[in-house]
């Protein structure tokens, strides 16, 4: 036979009030943690978006021309020249060489031509080394 003392503990008003309080506290804590998580994600999203907007437009010197159909990829400053790596709308990548002193454009070179030329130069070097 079951003891009557256990039934009194389970059905006591103090115990149900404590369980209701615990349940309410758990729900409140879950709501606070969810709101905190959403706030953290929102702040990260806003900061990342602001970072990309800030880095999207670089402050270029006035002597470096970038036209509307071109996207700046990189800039390399040398003592006498400035190299600008650009991607055009048709996904053609070029290197624009500009004089650092005068701002004169020396020309645009296709990057694919430079890579092919370097490959050809290496194969010629290998041929010379094998001939010797």
Protein backbone atom coordinates (compact mmCIF):
# COMPACT_ATOMS: atom_id res chain seq x y z
CA UNK A 1 0.00 0.00 0.00
CA UNK A 2 1.27 3.49 -0.87
CA UNK A 3 2.05 5.92 1.85
CA UNK A 4 -0.20 8.89 2.28
CA UNK A 5 2.69 11.19 3.05
CA UNK A 6 3.85 11.15 -0.62
CA UNK A 7 0.42 12.10 -1.90
CA UNK A 8 0.30 15.08 0.38
CA UNK A 9 3.68 16.33 -0.87
CA UNK A 10 2.77 16.01 -4.55
CA UNK A 11 -0.60 17.63 -4.20
CA UNK A 12 0.44 20.33 -1.76
CA UNK A 13 -0.29 23.90 -2.92
CA UNK A 14 3.25 25.00 -2.05
CA UNK A 15 4.75 22.42 -4.42
CA UNK A 16 2.56 23.35 -7.39
CA UNK A 17 3.23 27.05 -6.75
CA UNK A 18 7.00 26.34 -6.79
CA UNK A 19 6.70 24.39 -10.05
CA UNK A 20 4.69 27.18 -11.64
CA UNK A 21 7.29 29.71 -10.49
CA UNK A 22 10.09 27.54 -11.89
CA UNK A 23 8.23 27.13 -15.18
CA UNK A 24 7.63 30.89 -15.41
CA UNK A 25 11.28 31.67 -14.58
CA UNK A 26 12.44 29.19 -17.26
CA UNK A 27 10.20 30.81 -19.88
CA UNK A 28 11.39 34.31 -18.94
CA UNK A 29 15.05 33.23 -19.11
CA UNK A 30 14.47 31.56 -22.48
CA UNK A 31 12.85 34.74 -23.83
CA UNK A 32 15.75 36.88 -22.55
CA UNK A 33 18.36 34.53 -24.06
CA UNK A 34 16.51 34.46 -27.40
CA UNK A 35 16.31 38.26 -27.46
CA UNK A 36 20.02 38.49 -26.62
CA UNK A 37 20.94 36.03 -29.38
CA UNK A 38 18.85 37.93 -31.93
CA UNK A 39 20.45 41.21 -30.79
CA UNK A 40 23.97 39.82 -31.16
CA UNK A 41 23.24 38.49 -34.67
CA UNK A 42 21.65 41.81 -35.70
CA UNK A 43 24.64 43.83 -34.44
CA UNK A 44 27.09 41.53 -36.24
CA UNK A 45 25.09 41.78 -39.47
CA UNK A 46 25.00 45.58 -39.27
CA UNK A 47 28.73 45.85 -38.52
CA UNK A 48 29.70 43.49 -41.34
CA UNK A 49 27.46 45.38 -43.76
CA UNK A 50 28.96 48.72 -42.66
CA UNK A 51 32.50 47.33 -43.08
CA UNK A 52 31.85 46.25 -46.67
CA UNK A 53 30.21 49.55 -47.53
CA UNK A 54 33.20 51.39 -46.09
CA UNK A 55 35.77 49.33 -48.02
CA UNK A 56 33.77 49.29 -51.25
CA UNK A 57 34.80 52.83 -52.19
CA UNK A 58 38.45 53.54 -51.67
CA UNK A 59 39.79 57.06 -51.58
CA UNK A 60 41.95 57.14 -54.68
CA UNK A 61 44.38 59.86 -55.60
CA UNK A 62 43.06 62.11 -58.34
CA UNK A 63 45.72 60.96 -60.81
CA UNK A 64 44.42 57.38 -60.81
CA UNK A 65 41.64 57.05 -63.37
CA UNK A 66 38.94 54.38 -62.85
CA UNK A 67 36.10 54.46 -65.36
CA UNK A 68 32.47 53.44 -64.79
CA UNK A 69 32.75 50.00 -66.37
CA UNK A 70 35.81 49.08 -64.28
CA UNK A 71 36.15 47.61 -60.80
CA UNK A 72 39.27 48.23 -58.74
CA UNK A 73 40.88 45.01 -57.48
CA UNK A 74 44.19 46.23 -56.03
CA UNK A 75 46.76 49.03 -56.06
CA UNK A 76 50.50 48.62 -55.73
CA UNK A 77 52.62 51.67 -55.11
CA UNK A 78 56.22 51.54 -56.34
CA UNK A 79 58.81 54.33 -56.13
CA UNK A 80 58.40 55.35 -59.78
CA UNK A 81 55.17 53.64 -60.83
CA UNK A 82 51.74 52.78 -59.55
CA UNK A 83 50.18 49.49 -60.66
CA UNK A 84 46.40 49.30 -60.67
CA UNK A 85 44.71 45.93 -61.04
CA UNK A 86 41.28 46.37 -62.65
CA UNK A 87 38.46 44.09 -63.70
CA UNK A 88 36.26 45.28 -66.55
CA UNK A 89 32.57 44.38 -66.94
CA UNK A 90 33.31 41.51 -69.31
CA UNK A 91 35.53 39.91 -66.61
CA UNK A 92 38.75 40.94 -68.36
CA UNK A 93 41.46 41.76 -65.86
CA UNK A 94 44.08 44.35 -66.72
CA UNK A 95 47.05 46.03 -65.09
CA UNK A 96 47.22 49.78 -65.61
CA UNK A 97 50.70 51.23 -65.19
CA UNK A 98 50.86 54.89 -64.13
CA UNK A 99 53.85 57.12 -63.45
CA UNK A 100 53.94 58.05 -59.76
CA UNK A 101 55.70 61.31 -60.58
CA UNK A 102 53.67 62.66 -63.52
CA UNK A 103 50.42 60.67 -63.38
CA UNK A 104 50.84 59.65 -67.03
CA UNK A 105 49.27 56.33 -68.02
CA UNK A 106 51.87 54.08 -69.64
CA UNK A 107 49.30 51.56 -70.77
CA UNK A 108 46.98 48.71 -69.90
CA UNK A 109 48.20 45.11 -70.06
CA UNK A 110 45.94 42.08 -69.97
CA UNK A 111 46.84 39.90 -67.02
CA UNK A 112 46.22 36.77 -69.09
CA UNK A 113 48.84 37.96 -71.61
CA UNK A 114 51.36 38.46 -68.82
CA UNK A 115 50.70 35.00 -67.40
CA UNK A 116 51.05 33.41 -70.83
CA UNK A 117 54.26 35.38 -71.51
CA UNK A 118 55.71 34.25 -68.17
CA UNK A 119 54.84 30.63 -68.98
CA UNK A 120 56.54 30.96 -72.38
CA UNK A 121 59.62 32.54 -70.76
CA UNK A 122 59.90 29.68 -68.29
CA UNK A 123 59.64 27.06 -71.01
CA UNK A 124 62.43 28.85 -72.96
CA UNK A 125 64.58 28.92 -69.81
CA UNK A 126 64.03 25.20 -69.32
CA UNK A 127 65.01 24.56 -72.96
CA UNK A 128 68.22 26.55 -72.56
CA UNK A 129 69.09 24.69 -69.37
CA UNK A 130 68.50 21.31 -71.01
CA UNK A 131 70.63 22.30 -74.05
CA UNK A 132 73.57 23.19 -71.81
